[in-house]
């Protein structure tokens, strides 16, 4: 049992969760390599796609990221340089900068969605439907949120 080298069962669970998350993220990065976007950039594009034409304030993007990034501005700079997003001041509150996805950004998501979906299916293929649902419920319970509804 791998737990024998851990001081507590909780440390074992923590280590397994962290190592698993890192491996899944590494695999996603490799799958996105042809798109020449990072997992964080892909996450930003997904956030903006889901926001629709209204766009999202830069600060709100930072809050919604799967993995917090202290420099959302730089992420958006790179995406804007590639014409995947646009940014503009909010007309109601000029202090707020809104980001919106472009047609080119939507095309990146559409073009790579099948590969990403196939990757995620393969990543969780060892789990049956009930096990997968149980995993999601347990993670949501551990987090203290309703991630199961996401």
C-alpha atoms as a PDB file:
ATOM      1  CA  UNK A   1       0.000   0.000   0.000  1.00  0.00           C
ATOM      2  CA  UNK A   2       1.448   3.369  -0.975  1.00  0.00           C
ATOM      3  CA  UNK A   3       0.073   4.878   2.259  1.00  0.00           C
ATOM      4  CA  UNK A   4       2.810   3.326   4.381  1.00  0.00           C
ATOM      5  CA  UNK A   5       5.279   6.062   3.473  1.00  0.00           C
ATOM      6  CA  UNK A   6       2.827   8.838   4.380  1.00  0.00           C
ATOM      7  CA  UNK A   7       2.479  10.229   7.874  1.00  0.00           C
ATOM      8  CA  UNK A   8      -1.319  10.422   7.592  1.00  0.00           C
ATOM      9  CA  UNK A   9      -4.024   9.129   5.250  1.00  0.00           C
ATOM     10  CA  UNK A  10      -4.929  12.746   4.539  1.00  0.00           C
ATOM     11  CA  UNK A  11      -1.402  13.429   3.298  1.00  0.00           C
ATOM     12  CA  UNK A  12      -1.703  10.427   0.989  1.00  0.00           C
ATOM     13  CA  UNK A  13      -5.048  11.725  -0.354  1.00  0.00           C
ATOM     14  CA  UNK A  14      -3.605  15.214  -0.807  1.00  0.00           C
ATOM     15  CA  UNK A  15      -0.580  13.881  -2.673  1.00  0.00           C
ATOM     16  CA  UNK A  16      -2.703  11.655  -4.927  1.00  0.00           C
ATOM     17  CA  UNK A  17      -5.106  14.491  -5.753  1.00  0.00           C
ATOM     18  CA  UNK A  18      -2.332  16.958  -6.501  1.00  0.00           C
ATOM     19  CA  UNK A  19      -0.313  14.522  -8.610  1.00  0.00           C
ATOM     20  CA  UNK A  20      -3.442  13.495 -10.519  1.00  0.00           C
ATOM     21  CA  UNK A  21      -4.450  17.098 -11.194  1.00  0.00           C
ATOM     22  CA  UNK A  22      -0.964  17.930 -12.421  1.00  0.00           C
ATOM     23  CA  UNK A  23      -0.885  14.901 -14.720  1.00  0.00           C
ATOM     24  CA  UNK A  24      -4.329  15.672 -16.166  1.00  0.00           C
ATOM     25  CA  UNK A  25      -3.257  19.290 -16.760  1.00  0.00           C
ATOM     26  CA  UNK A  26      -0.024  18.155 -18.430  1.00  0.00           C
ATOM     27  CA  UNK A  27      -2.016  15.898 -20.750  1.00  0.00           C
ATOM     28  CA  UNK A  28      -4.339  18.794 -21.598  1.00  0.00           C
ATOM     29  CA  UNK A  29      -1.334  20.978 -22.383  1.00  0.00           C
ATOM     30  CA  UNK A  30      -0.026  18.330 -24.752  1.00  0.00           C
ATOM     31  CA  UNK A  31      -3.425  17.997 -26.438  1.00  0.00           C
ATOM     32  CA  UNK A  32      -3.600  21.776 -26.907  1.00  0.00           C
ATOM     33  CA  UNK A  33      -0.098  22.057 -28.327  1.00  0.00           C
ATOM     34  CA  UNK A  34      -1.375  22.029 -31.960  1.00  0.00           C
ATOM     35  CA  UNK A  35      -3.652  24.978 -31.078  1.00  0.00           C
ATOM     36  CA  UNK A  36      -0.633  26.812 -29.678  1.00  0.00           C
ATOM     37  CA  UNK A  37      -2.601  27.793 -26.586  1.00  0.00           C
ATOM     38  CA  UNK A  38      -1.942  26.891 -22.984  1.00  0.00           C
ATOM     39  CA  UNK A  39      -4.554  25.277 -20.739  1.00  0.00           C
ATOM     40  CA  UNK A  40      -4.966  28.666 -18.997  1.00  0.00           C
ATOM     41  CA  UNK A  41      -5.536  30.442 -22.324  1.00  0.00           C
ATOM     42  CA  UNK A  42      -7.993  27.736 -23.376  1.00  0.00           C
ATOM     43  CA  UNK A  43      -9.801  28.235 -20.058  1.00  0.00           C
ATOM     44  CA  UNK A  44     -10.046  31.993 -20.717  1.00  0.00           C
ATOM     45  CA  UNK A  45     -11.472  31.330 -24.181  1.00  0.00           C
ATOM     46  CA  UNK A  46     -14.094  29.002 -22.675  1.00  0.00           C
ATOM     47  CA  UNK A  47     -15.027  31.617 -20.065  1.00  0.00           C
ATOM     48  CA  UNK A  48     -15.436  34.259 -22.759  1.00  0.00           C
ATOM     49  CA  UNK A  49     -17.423  31.965 -25.049  1.00  0.00           C
ATOM     50  CA  UNK A  50     -19.831  31.216 -22.208  1.00  0.00           C
ATOM     51  CA  UNK A  51     -20.195  34.948 -21.461  1.00  0.00           C
ATOM     52  CA  UNK A  52     -21.504  35.670 -24.932  1.00  0.00           C
ATOM     53  CA  UNK A  53     -21.614  39.124 -26.467  1.00  0.00           C
ATOM     54  CA  UNK A  54     -21.651  40.872 -23.077  1.00  0.00           C
ATOM     55  CA  UNK A  55     -18.078  39.832 -22.399  1.00  0.00           C
ATOM     56  CA  UNK A  56     -16.466  39.520 -18.993  1.00  0.00           C
ATOM     57  CA  UNK A  57     -14.568  41.986 -16.844  1.00  0.00           C
ATOM     58  CA  UNK A  58     -10.907  41.070 -16.475  1.00  0.00           C
ATOM     59  CA  UNK A  59     -11.227  40.732 -12.708  1.00  0.00           C
ATOM     60  CA  UNK A  60     -14.104  38.313 -13.113  1.00  0.00           C
ATOM     61  CA  UNK A  61     -12.048  36.193 -15.508  1.00  0.00           C
ATOM     62  CA  UNK A  62      -9.435  35.847 -12.772  1.00  0.00           C
ATOM     63  CA  UNK A  63     -12.126  34.623 -10.363  1.00  0.00           C
ATOM     64  CA  UNK A  64     -13.493  32.056 -12.833  1.00  0.00           C
ATOM     65  CA  UNK A  65     -10.193  30.495 -13.905  1.00  0.00           C
ATOM     66  CA  UNK A  66      -9.798  26.836 -13.003  1.00  0.00           C
ATOM     67  CA  UNK A  67      -6.239  27.531 -11.886  1.00  0.00           C
ATOM     68  CA  UNK A  68      -5.795  31.053 -10.531  1.00  0.00           C
ATOM     69  CA  UNK A  69      -3.342  33.145 -12.506  1.00  0.00           C
ATOM     70  CA  UNK A  70      -1.990  36.343 -10.983  1.00  0.00           C
ATOM     71  CA  UNK A  71      -1.445  37.899 -14.402  1.00  0.00           C
ATOM     72  CA  UNK A  72      -4.710  37.683 -16.314  1.00  0.00           C
ATOM     73  CA  UNK A  73      -3.708  40.832 -18.189  1.00  0.00           C
ATOM     74  CA  UNK A  74      -0.753  39.027 -19.724  1.00  0.00           C
ATOM     75  CA  UNK A  75      -2.935  36.029 -20.633  1.00  0.00           C
ATOM     76  CA  UNK A  76      -5.331  38.389 -22.387  1.00  0.00           C
ATOM     77  CA  UNK A  77      -2.453  40.251 -24.051  1.00  0.00           C
ATOM     78  CA  UNK A  78      -1.300  37.025 -25.697  1.00  0.00           C
ATOM     79  CA  UNK A  79      -4.810  36.075 -26.772  1.00  0.00           C
ATOM     80  CA  UNK A  80      -5.497  39.563 -28.099  1.00  0.00           C
ATOM     81  CA  UNK A  81      -2.218  39.562 -30.068  1.00  0.00           C
ATOM     82  CA  UNK A  82      -3.456  36.419 -31.805  1.00  0.00           C
ATOM     83  CA  UNK A  83      -6.859  38.030 -32.462  1.00  0.00           C
ATOM     84  CA  UNK A  84      -8.693  35.519 -30.238  1.00  0.00           C
ATOM     85  CA  UNK A  85     -10.088  38.178 -27.907  1.00  0.00           C
ATOM     86  CA  UNK A  86     -10.813  41.880 -27.865  1.00  0.00           C
ATOM     87  CA  UNK A  87     -10.864  44.257 -24.918  1.00  0.00           C
ATOM     88  CA  UNK A  88     -12.734  47.506 -24.506  1.00  0.00           C
ATOM     89  CA  UNK A  89     -13.795  49.822 -21.717  1.00  0.00           C
ATOM     90  CA  UNK A  90     -17.300  49.243 -20.403  1.00  0.00           C
ATOM     91  CA  UNK A  91     -19.583  52.031 -21.591  1.00  0.00           C
ATOM     92  CA  UNK A  92     -21.424  52.134 -18.234  1.00  0.00           C
ATOM     93  CA  UNK A  93     -18.278  52.138 -16.085  1.00  0.00           C
ATOM     94  CA  UNK A  94     -15.115  53.284 -17.833  1.00  0.00           C
ATOM     95  CA  UNK A  95     -12.961  51.793 -15.053  1.00  0.00           C
ATOM     96  CA  UNK A  96     -13.974  48.286 -16.150  1.00  0.00           C
ATOM     97  CA  UNK A  97     -12.298  46.566 -19.095  1.00  0.00           C
ATOM     98  CA  UNK A  98     -14.434  43.914 -20.758  1.00  0.00           C
ATOM     99  CA  UNK A  99     -12.953  41.048 -22.737  1.00  0.00           C
ATOM    100  CA  UNK A 100     -14.868  39.329 -25.519  1.00  0.00           C
ATOM    101  CA  UNK A 101     -14.065  36.306 -27.628  1.00  0.00           C
ATOM    102  CA  UNK A 102     -13.680  36.813 -31.385  1.00  0.00           C
ATOM    103  CA  UNK A 103     -14.686  34.545 -34.256  1.00  0.00           C
ATOM    104  CA  UNK A 104     -11.067  33.356 -34.398  1.00  0.00           C
ATOM    105  CA  UNK A 105     -11.185  32.459 -30.692  1.00  0.00           C
ATOM    106  CA  UNK A 106     -14.452  30.597 -31.185  1.00  0.00           C
ATOM    107  CA  UNK A 107     -12.864  28.731 -34.089  1.00  0.00           C
ATOM    108  CA  UNK A 108      -9.979  27.593 -31.868  1.00  0.00           C
ATOM    109  CA  UNK A 109     -12.437  26.195 -29.347  1.00  0.00           C
ATOM    110  CA  UNK A 110     -14.557  24.512 -32.035  1.00  0.00           C
ATOM    111  CA  UNK A 111     -11.538  23.055 -33.824  1.00  0.00           C
ATOM    112  CA  UNK A 112     -10.046  21.527 -30.683  1.00  0.00           C
ATOM    113  CA  UNK A 113     -13.203  20.616 -28.740  1.00  0.00           C
ATOM    114  CA  UNK A 114     -13.323  17.052 -30.135  1.00  0.00           C
ATOM    115  CA  UNK A 115      -9.715  16.338 -29.105  1.00  0.00           C
ATOM    116  CA  UNK A 116     -10.235  17.838 -25.659  1.00  0.00           C
ATOM    117  CA  UNK A 117     -13.453  15.874 -25.163  1.00  0.00           C
ATOM    118  CA  UNK A 118     -11.731  12.665 -26.283  1.00  0.00           C
ATOM    119  CA  UNK A 119      -8.846  13.357 -23.918  1.00  0.00           C
ATOM    120  CA  UNK A 120     -11.191  13.874 -20.969  1.00  0.00           C
ATOM    121  CA  UNK A 121     -13.097  10.709 -21.882  1.00  0.00           C
ATOM    122  CA  UNK A 122      -9.822   8.756 -21.941  1.00  0.00           C
ATOM    123  CA  UNK A 123      -8.642  10.327 -18.690  1.00  0.00           C
ATOM    124  CA  UNK A 124     -11.715   9.050 -16.866  1.00  0.00           C
ATOM    125  CA  UNK A 125     -12.281   5.839 -18.868  1.00  0.00           C
ATOM    126  CA  UNK A 126     -11.271   3.606 -15.939  1.00  0.00           C
ATOM    127  CA  UNK A 127     -14.319   4.804 -14.023  1.00  0.00           C
ATOM    128  CA  UNK A 128     -17.812   3.558 -14.652  1.00  0.00           C
ATOM    129  CA  UNK A 129     -20.691   6.038 -14.766  1.00  0.00           C
ATOM    130  CA  UNK A 130     -21.581   5.530 -11.093  1.00  0.00           C
ATOM    131  CA  UNK A 131     -17.945   5.776 -10.021  1.00  0.00           C
ATOM    132  CA  UNK A 132     -17.496   8.950 -12.030  1.00  0.00           C
ATOM    133  CA  UNK A 133     -20.579  10.542 -10.465  1.00  0.00           C
ATOM    134  CA  UNK A 134     -19.356   9.472  -7.035  1.00  0.00           C
ATOM    135  CA  UNK A 135     -15.939  11.011  -7.740  1.00  0.00           C
ATOM    136  CA  UNK A 136     -17.504  14.322  -8.757  1.00  0.00           C
ATOM    137  CA  UNK A 137     -19.763  14.285  -5.686  1.00  0.00           C
ATOM    138  CA  UNK A 138     -16.842  13.514  -3.377  1.00  0.00           C
ATOM    139  CA  UNK A 139     -14.696  16.256  -4.863  1.00  0.00           C
ATOM    140  CA  UNK A 140     -17.593  18.712  -4.527  1.00  0.00           C
ATOM    141  CA  UNK A 141     -18.068  17.644  -0.916  1.00  0.00           C
ATOM    142  CA  UNK A 142     -14.344  18.017  -0.225  1.00  0.00           C
ATOM    143  CA  UNK A 143     -14.409  21.507  -1.758  1.00  0.00           C
ATOM    144  CA  UNK A 144     -17.557  22.419   0.150  1.00  0.00           C
ATOM    145  CA  UNK A 145     -19.335  23.541  -2.996  1.00  0.00           C
ATOM    146  CA  UNK A 146     -21.787  22.357  -5.609  1.00  0.00           C
ATOM    147  CA  UNK A 147     -19.219  21.438  -8.276  1.00  0.00           C
ATOM    148  CA  UNK A 148     -21.448  18.472  -9.155  1.00  0.00           C
ATOM    149  CA  UNK A 149     -23.911  20.909 -10.702  1.00  0.00           C
ATOM    150  CA  UNK A 150     -21.263  22.608 -12.832  1.00  0.00           C
END
